[in-house]
Amino acid sequence: MCVETIQHCLQMGGKHADPIHIRLMLDCAEICQTSANFMMRGSDLHIYTCAVCAEVCELCAQDCERVGPGDEMMARCAELCRRCSVSCRQMAAA
């Protein structure tokens, strides 16, 4: 979702395209993929990647809400990031 939303942000410009915001969204997409890869191959270390993923997803959700109040795409990204954060916290605790 973050990769798709980055395209939206770049088209919107302004605060949506702020480099710090874009970098956070890229970080979120990357850690989500990394965590998924660790879990799919059954790595015992997935609890660590999931813990970091939960934190990054929550930060990304907060930033998407800050950048795009009233923007449907940003709200959807924030919602999915929050859901991912909750799921990753559960996986990290397992």
N, C-alpha and C. Protein backbone atom coordinates (compact mmCIF):
# COMPACT_ATOMS: atom_id res chain seq x y z
N MET A 1 0.82 -1.19 0.00
CA MET A 1 0.00 0.00 0.00
C MET A 1 0.87 1.26 0.00
N CYS A 2 1.95 1.21 0.73
CA CYS A 2 2.81 2.40 0.81
C CYS A 2 3.42 2.75 -0.55
N VAL A 3 3.83 1.73 -1.30
CA VAL A 3 4.42 2.00 -2.61
C VAL A 3 3.40 2.66 -3.52
N GLU A 4 2.18 2.15 -3.49
CA GLU A 4 1.10 2.75 -4.28
C GLU A 4 0.82 4.18 -3.82
N THR A 5 0.81 4.40 -2.53
CA THR A 5 0.51 5.73 -1.98
C THR A 5 1.62 6.72 -2.28
N ILE A 6 2.85 6.26 -2.39
CA ILE A 6 3.96 7.16 -2.74
C ILE A 6 3.68 7.82 -4.08
N GLN A 7 3.16 7.05 -5.03
CA GLN A 7 2.83 7.62 -6.34
C GLN A 7 1.81 8.75 -6.19
N HIS A 8 0.82 8.52 -5.35
CA HIS A 8 -0.20 9.53 -5.07
C HIS A 8 0.45 10.77 -4.45
N CYS A 9 1.33 10.55 -3.50
CA CYS A 9 1.99 11.67 -2.81
C CYS A 9 2.82 12.50 -3.77
N LEU A 10 3.54 11.83 -4.64
CA LEU A 10 4.38 12.57 -5.60
C LEU A 10 3.53 13.37 -6.57
N GLN A 11 2.38 12.84 -6.95
CA GLN A 11 1.48 13.58 -7.83
C GLN A 11 0.86 14.78 -7.11
N MET A 12 0.57 14.62 -5.83
CA MET A 12 -0.03 15.71 -5.05
C MET A 12 0.96 16.84 -4.82
N GLY A 13 2.22 16.48 -4.62
CA GLY A 13 3.24 17.49 -4.35
C GLY A 13 3.10 18.09 -2.96
N GLY A 14 3.76 19.20 -2.74
CA GLY A 14 3.70 19.89 -1.45
C GLY A 14 4.15 19.00 -0.31
N LYS A 15 3.43 19.09 0.81
CA LYS A 15 3.82 18.32 1.99
C LYS A 15 3.71 16.81 1.75
N HIS A 16 2.85 16.41 0.81
CA HIS A 16 2.74 14.99 0.48
C HIS A 16 4.08 14.44 -0.04
N ALA A 17 4.80 15.28 -0.77
CA ALA A 17 6.05 14.85 -1.41
C ALA A 17 7.29 15.19 -0.58
N ASP A 18 7.11 15.56 0.66
CA ASP A 18 8.25 15.87 1.53
C ASP A 18 9.17 14.66 1.59
N PRO A 19 10.47 14.86 1.39
CA PRO A 19 11.40 13.72 1.39
C PRO A 19 11.36 12.87 2.66
N ILE A 20 11.15 13.47 3.80
CA ILE A 20 11.09 12.71 5.05
C ILE A 20 9.87 11.78 5.05
N HIS A 21 8.75 12.29 4.56
CA HIS A 21 7.53 11.48 4.48
C HIS A 21 7.71 10.33 3.48
N ILE A 22 8.25 10.63 2.32
CA ILE A 22 8.46 9.61 1.29
C ILE A 22 9.43 8.54 1.79
N ARG A 23 10.48 8.96 2.46
CA ARG A 23 11.47 8.00 2.99
C ARG A 23 10.82 7.08 4.03
N LEU A 24 9.97 7.62 4.88
CA LEU A 24 9.28 6.81 5.88
C LEU A 24 8.37 5.79 5.19
N MET A 25 7.68 6.20 4.15
CA MET A 25 6.82 5.27 3.43
C MET A 25 7.63 4.18 2.74
N LEU A 26 8.78 4.53 2.20
CA LEU A 26 9.66 3.53 1.61
C LEU A 26 10.19 2.57 2.67
N ASP A 27 10.56 3.11 3.84
CA ASP A 27 11.01 2.28 4.95
C ASP A 27 9.91 1.30 5.36
N CYS A 28 8.69 1.78 5.41
CA CYS A 28 7.56 0.95 5.80
C CYS A 28 7.37 -0.19 4.80
N ALA A 29 7.36 0.14 3.53
CA ALA A 29 7.20 -0.90 2.50
C ALA A 29 8.32 -1.93 2.59
N GLU A 30 9.52 -1.47 2.80
CA GLU A 30 10.68 -2.38 2.84
C GLU A 30 10.64 -3.30 4.06
N ILE A 31 10.33 -2.75 5.24
CA ILE A 31 10.32 -3.59 6.44
C ILE A 31 9.15 -4.56 6.40
N CYS A 32 8.05 -4.18 5.79
CA CYS A 32 6.92 -5.11 5.64
C CYS A 32 7.33 -6.29 4.77
N GLN A 33 8.01 -6.02 3.67
CA GLN A 33 8.45 -7.09 2.78
C GLN A 33 9.48 -7.98 3.47
N THR A 34 10.40 -7.35 4.18
CA THR A 34 11.42 -8.11 4.91
C THR A 34 10.78 -9.01 5.96
N SER A 35 9.85 -8.47 6.72
CA SER A 35 9.18 -9.27 7.75
C SER A 35 8.42 -10.43 7.14
N ALA A 36 7.73 -10.16 6.04
CA ALA A 36 6.99 -11.24 5.36
C ALA A 36 7.96 -12.33 4.89
N ASN A 37 9.09 -11.92 4.35
CA ASN A 37 10.08 -12.90 3.88
C ASN A 37 10.59 -13.76 5.04
N PHE A 38 10.88 -13.14 6.18
CA PHE A 38 11.37 -13.88 7.34
C PHE A 38 10.32 -14.91 7.79
N MET A 39 9.05 -14.49 7.82
CA MET A 39 7.99 -15.39 8.27
C MET A 39 7.76 -16.52 7.27
N MET A 40 7.77 -16.22 5.98
CA MET A 40 7.52 -17.24 4.96
C MET A 40 8.58 -18.33 4.96
N ARG A 41 9.79 -17.98 5.30
CA ARG A 41 10.83 -19.02 5.31
C ARG A 41 11.02 -19.63 6.70
N GLY A 42 10.16 -19.24 7.63
CA GLY A 42 10.18 -19.85 8.96
C GLY A 42 11.37 -19.46 9.81
N SER A 43 11.90 -18.28 9.59
CA SER A 43 13.05 -17.83 10.37
C SER A 43 12.69 -17.62 11.83
N ASP A 44 13.53 -18.14 12.71
CA ASP A 44 13.35 -17.90 14.15
C ASP A 44 13.56 -16.44 14.51
N LEU A 45 14.15 -15.68 13.62
CA LEU A 45 14.44 -14.26 13.86
C LEU A 45 13.29 -13.34 13.48
N HIS A 46 12.19 -13.90 13.00
CA HIS A 46 11.07 -13.06 12.55
C HIS A 46 10.51 -12.19 13.67
N ILE A 47 10.66 -12.61 14.91
CA ILE A 47 10.14 -11.79 16.01
C ILE A 47 10.82 -10.43 16.04
N TYR A 48 12.06 -10.37 15.62
CA TYR A 48 12.78 -9.09 15.61
C TYR A 48 12.33 -8.20 14.45
N THR A 49 12.22 -8.80 13.28
CA THR A 49 11.78 -7.98 12.14
C THR A 49 10.33 -7.54 12.34
N CYS A 50 9.51 -8.40 12.93
CA CYS A 50 8.11 -8.03 13.18
C CYS A 50 8.00 -6.90 14.20
N ALA A 51 8.85 -6.92 15.21
CA ALA A 51 8.83 -5.85 16.21
C ALA A 51 9.17 -4.50 15.57
N VAL A 52 10.21 -4.50 14.74
CA VAL A 52 10.58 -3.26 14.04
C VAL A 52 9.47 -2.85 13.07
N CYS A 53 8.91 -3.82 12.37
CA CYS A 53 7.84 -3.54 11.42
C CYS A 53 6.66 -2.87 12.12
N ALA A 54 6.30 -3.36 13.28
CA ALA A 54 5.19 -2.77 14.03
C ALA A 54 5.44 -1.29 14.33
N GLU A 55 6.65 -0.98 14.74
CA GLU A 55 7.00 0.41 15.06
C GLU A 55 6.96 1.29 13.81
N VAL A 56 7.57 0.81 12.74
CA VAL A 56 7.64 1.61 11.51
C VAL A 56 6.25 1.82 10.93
N CYS A 57 5.42 0.77 10.95
CA CYS A 57 4.05 0.90 10.44
C CYS A 57 3.25 1.92 11.23
N GLU A 58 3.41 1.93 12.54
CA GLU A 58 2.68 2.90 13.36
C GLU A 58 3.14 4.32 13.05
N LEU A 59 4.45 4.51 12.92
CA LEU A 59 4.97 5.84 12.57
C LEU A 59 4.47 6.28 11.20
N CYS A 60 4.41 5.36 10.26
CA CYS A 60 3.94 5.68 8.92
C CYS A 60 2.46 6.05 8.95
N ALA A 61 1.67 5.32 9.71
CA ALA A 61 0.25 5.64 9.84
C ALA A 61 0.06 7.05 10.39
N GLN A 62 0.79 7.38 11.43
CA GLN A 62 0.70 8.71 12.02
C GLN A 62 1.08 9.79 11.01
N ASP A 63 2.14 9.53 10.25
CA ASP A 63 2.60 10.53 9.28
C ASP A 63 1.61 10.68 8.12
N CYS A 64 1.03 9.59 7.68
CA CYS A 64 0.03 9.68 6.61
C CYS A 64 -1.18 10.50 7.07
N GLU A 65 -1.58 10.33 8.30
CA GLU A 65 -2.69 11.13 8.85
C GLU A 65 -2.30 12.60 8.95
N ARG A 66 -1.07 12.86 9.34
CA ARG A 66 -0.60 14.25 9.47
C ARG A 66 -0.54 14.94 8.12
N VAL A 67 -0.02 14.24 7.12
CA VAL A 67 0.19 14.82 5.80
C VAL A 67 -1.12 14.99 5.03
N GLY A 68 -2.03 14.05 5.18
CA GLY A 68 -3.20 14.07 4.31
C GLY A 68 -4.55 14.03 4.99
N PRO A 69 -4.83 14.94 5.93
CA PRO A 69 -6.17 14.91 6.53
C PRO A 69 -7.23 15.17 5.44
N GLY A 70 -8.25 14.32 5.44
CA GLY A 70 -9.30 14.46 4.44
C GLY A 70 -8.98 13.82 3.10
N ASP A 71 -7.80 13.26 2.96
CA ASP A 71 -7.37 12.62 1.72
C ASP A 71 -7.66 11.12 1.84
N GLU A 72 -8.54 10.60 1.00
CA GLU A 72 -8.98 9.21 1.09
C GLU A 72 -7.83 8.22 0.95
N MET A 73 -6.94 8.48 0.03
CA MET A 73 -5.81 7.57 -0.21
C MET A 73 -4.90 7.53 1.02
N MET A 74 -4.64 8.68 1.61
CA MET A 74 -3.79 8.74 2.79
C MET A 74 -4.46 8.06 3.98
N ALA A 75 -5.77 8.23 4.10
CA ALA A 75 -6.51 7.58 5.18
C ALA A 75 -6.47 6.07 5.04
N ARG A 76 -6.60 5.58 3.81
CA ARG A 76 -6.54 4.14 3.56
C ARG A 76 -5.16 3.59 3.89
N CYS A 77 -4.12 4.31 3.50
CA CYS A 77 -2.76 3.88 3.81
C CYS A 77 -2.55 3.84 5.32
N ALA A 78 -3.00 4.87 6.03
CA ALA A 78 -2.86 4.91 7.49
C ALA A 78 -3.58 3.74 8.14
N GLU A 79 -4.78 3.43 7.66
CA GLU A 79 -5.55 2.33 8.23
C GLU A 79 -4.83 0.99 8.02
N LEU A 80 -4.34 0.76 6.83
CA LEU A 80 -3.64 -0.51 6.56
C LEU A 80 -2.33 -0.60 7.33
N CYS A 81 -1.63 0.52 7.47
CA CYS A 81 -0.40 0.52 8.27
C CYS A 81 -0.70 0.19 9.72
N ARG A 82 -1.80 0.70 10.25
CA ARG A 82 -2.17 0.41 11.64
C ARG A 82 -2.52 -1.06 11.80
N ARG A 83 -3.26 -1.61 10.85
CA ARG A 83 -3.61 -3.02 10.91
C ARG A 83 -2.35 -3.89 10.85
N CYS A 84 -1.41 -3.51 10.02
CA CYS A 84 -0.15 -4.23 9.92
C CYS A 84 0.62 -4.13 11.24
N SER A 85 0.61 -2.96 11.83
CA SER A 85 1.31 -2.75 13.10
C SER A 85 0.77 -3.68 14.19
N VAL A 86 -0.54 -3.78 14.27
CA VAL A 86 -1.17 -4.65 15.27
C VAL A 86 -0.79 -6.11 15.00
N SER A 87 -0.88 -6.52 13.76
CA SER A 87 -0.53 -7.90 13.39
C SER A 87 0.93 -8.20 13.70
N CYS A 88 1.81 -7.27 13.37
CA CYS A 88 3.24 -7.49 13.62
C CYS A 88 3.55 -7.53 15.12
N ARG A 89 2.87 -6.72 15.90
CA ARG A 89 3.07 -6.78 17.36
C ARG A 89 2.69 -8.17 17.89
N GLN A 90 1.59 -8.71 17.37
CA GLN A 90 1.16 -10.05 17.79
C GLN A 90 2.19 -11.09 17.36
N MET A 91 2.72 -10.97 16.17
CA MET A 91 3.72 -11.93 15.67
C MET A 91 5.01 -11.82 16.50
N ALA A 92 5.38 -10.60 16.87
CA ALA A 92 6.61 -10.41 17.65
C ALA A 92 6.48 -11.00 19.05
N ALA A 93 5.25 -11.04 19.57
CA ALA A 93 5.02 -11.58 20.90
C ALA A 93 4.90 -13.09 20.91
N ALA A 94 4.73 -13.67 19.72
CA ALA A 94 4.52 -15.13 19.64
C ALA A 94 5.80 -15.89 19.89
